[in-house]
């Protein structure tokens, strides 16, 4: 009951949505940078 209310509240609350979007964007940026480093290191190894 409480968890269902929490989920619906999170969907309605624009602040939570905004924070979620920011976290997703941040995570994608970090992954992009990290994958760039991995490619660079792999090329240096060759």
N, C-alpha and C. Protein backbone atom coordinates (compact mmCIF):
# COMPACT_ATOMS: atom_id res chain seq x y z
N UNK A 1 0.84 -1.19 0.00
CA UNK A 1 0.00 0.00 0.00
C UNK A 1 0.88 1.25 0.00
N UNK A 2 1.81 1.30 0.94
CA UNK A 2 2.67 2.47 1.08
C UNK A 2 3.60 2.60 -0.13
N UNK A 3 4.13 1.48 -0.61
CA UNK A 3 5.04 1.53 -1.75
C UNK A 3 4.30 1.98 -3.01
N UNK A 4 3.06 1.53 -3.18
CA UNK A 4 2.27 1.93 -4.33
C UNK A 4 2.03 3.44 -4.30
N UNK A 5 1.76 3.97 -3.11
CA UNK A 5 1.55 5.41 -2.96
C UNK A 5 2.84 6.16 -3.27
N UNK A 6 3.96 5.60 -2.83
CA UNK A 6 5.26 6.23 -3.08
C UNK A 6 5.56 6.29 -4.56
N UNK A 7 5.21 5.23 -5.29
CA UNK A 7 5.46 5.19 -6.72
C UNK A 7 4.62 6.23 -7.43
N UNK A 8 3.32 6.30 -7.11
CA UNK A 8 2.44 7.27 -7.76
C UNK A 8 2.87 8.69 -7.43
N UNK A 9 3.33 8.90 -6.20
CA UNK A 9 3.79 10.22 -5.79
C UNK A 9 5.04 10.61 -6.58
N UNK A 10 5.93 9.65 -6.79
CA UNK A 10 7.16 9.92 -7.53
C UNK A 10 6.84 10.26 -8.98
N UNK A 11 5.83 9.62 -9.54
CA UNK A 11 5.46 9.88 -10.92
C UNK A 11 4.87 11.28 -11.07
N UNK A 12 4.13 11.72 -10.05
CA UNK A 12 3.47 13.02 -10.10
C UNK A 12 4.44 14.15 -9.78
N UNK A 13 5.36 13.91 -8.86
CA UNK A 13 6.26 14.95 -8.39
C UNK A 13 7.27 15.33 -9.47
N UNK A 14 7.18 16.55 -10.02
CA UNK A 14 8.09 16.97 -11.09
C UNK A 14 9.54 17.08 -10.63
N UNK A 15 9.73 17.36 -9.33
CA UNK A 15 11.09 17.48 -8.80
C UNK A 15 11.80 16.14 -8.87
N UNK A 16 11.10 15.07 -8.52
CA UNK A 16 11.69 13.73 -8.58
C UNK A 16 12.03 13.37 -10.02
N UNK A 17 11.14 13.74 -10.95
CA UNK A 17 11.37 13.45 -12.37
C UNK A 17 12.61 14.20 -12.84
N UNK A 18 12.74 15.46 -12.41
CA UNK A 18 13.87 16.29 -12.80
C UNK A 18 15.17 15.70 -12.28
N UNK A 19 15.17 15.27 -11.02
CA UNK A 19 16.36 14.67 -10.40
C UNK A 19 16.72 13.38 -11.13
N UNK A 20 15.69 12.58 -11.45
CA UNK A 20 15.91 11.32 -12.15
C UNK A 20 16.55 11.58 -13.51
N UNK A 21 16.04 12.60 -14.24
CA UNK A 21 16.60 12.96 -15.54
C UNK A 21 18.05 13.38 -15.41
N UNK A 22 18.34 14.20 -14.39
CA UNK A 22 19.71 14.67 -14.18
C UNK A 22 20.65 13.49 -13.91
N UNK A 23 20.19 12.55 -13.07
CA UNK A 23 21.02 11.38 -12.75
C UNK A 23 21.29 10.55 -13.99
N UNK A 24 20.24 10.39 -14.83
CA UNK A 24 20.42 9.61 -16.06
C UNK A 24 21.43 10.28 -16.98
N UNK A 25 21.29 11.62 -17.10
CA UNK A 25 22.19 12.37 -17.98
C UNK A 25 23.63 12.27 -17.47
N UNK A 26 23.77 12.39 -16.16
CA UNK A 26 25.10 12.32 -15.53
C UNK A 26 25.72 10.95 -15.76
N UNK A 27 24.89 9.91 -15.59
CA UNK A 27 25.38 8.54 -15.76
C UNK A 27 25.83 8.31 -17.20
N UNK A 28 25.04 8.82 -18.17
CA UNK A 28 25.41 8.65 -19.57
C UNK A 28 26.71 9.38 -19.87
N UNK A 29 26.89 10.57 -19.29
CA UNK A 29 28.12 11.34 -19.50
C UNK A 29 29.31 10.59 -18.95
N UNK A 30 29.16 10.03 -17.75
CA UNK A 30 30.25 9.28 -17.11
C UNK A 30 30.59 8.04 -17.94
N UNK A 31 29.56 7.35 -18.41
CA UNK A 31 29.80 6.15 -19.21
C UNK A 31 30.51 6.49 -20.51
N UNK A 32 30.13 7.63 -21.11
CA UNK A 32 30.74 8.04 -22.37
C UNK A 32 32.22 8.34 -22.15
N UNK A 33 32.51 9.08 -21.08
CA UNK A 33 33.90 9.42 -20.76
C UNK A 33 34.70 8.16 -20.45
N UNK A 34 34.11 7.26 -19.66
CA UNK A 34 34.79 6.03 -19.27
C UNK A 34 35.08 5.16 -20.50
N UNK A 35 34.11 5.05 -21.40
CA UNK A 35 34.32 4.23 -22.60
C UNK A 35 35.38 4.87 -23.49
N UNK A 36 35.44 6.20 -23.50
CA UNK A 36 36.47 6.90 -24.27
C UNK A 36 37.84 6.57 -23.72
N UNK A 37 37.97 6.54 -22.40
CA UNK A 37 39.24 6.20 -21.76
C UNK A 37 39.64 4.77 -22.09
N UNK A 38 38.67 3.86 -22.05
CA UNK A 38 38.95 2.45 -22.34
C UNK A 38 39.47 2.30 -23.76
N UNK A 39 38.82 2.98 -24.72
CA UNK A 39 39.25 2.91 -26.12
C UNK A 39 40.66 3.47 -26.26
N UNK A 40 40.91 4.61 -25.60
CA UNK A 40 42.22 5.25 -25.68
C UNK A 40 43.31 4.33 -25.11
N UNK A 41 43.02 3.72 -23.96
CA UNK A 41 43.99 2.81 -23.34
C UNK A 41 44.23 1.60 -24.23
N UNK A 42 43.17 1.08 -24.83
CA UNK A 42 43.30 -0.09 -25.70
C UNK A 42 44.18 0.25 -26.90
N UNK A 43 43.99 1.45 -27.47
CA UNK A 43 44.79 1.87 -28.61
C UNK A 43 46.25 2.05 -28.22
N UNK A 44 46.49 2.56 -27.02
CA UNK A 44 47.87 2.74 -26.55
C UNK A 44 48.54 1.39 -26.36
N UNK A 45 47.78 0.40 -25.88
CA UNK A 45 48.34 -0.93 -25.67
C UNK A 45 48.79 -1.53 -26.99
N UNK A 46 48.05 -1.28 -28.06
CA UNK A 46 48.42 -1.80 -29.37
C UNK A 46 49.64 -1.04 -29.87
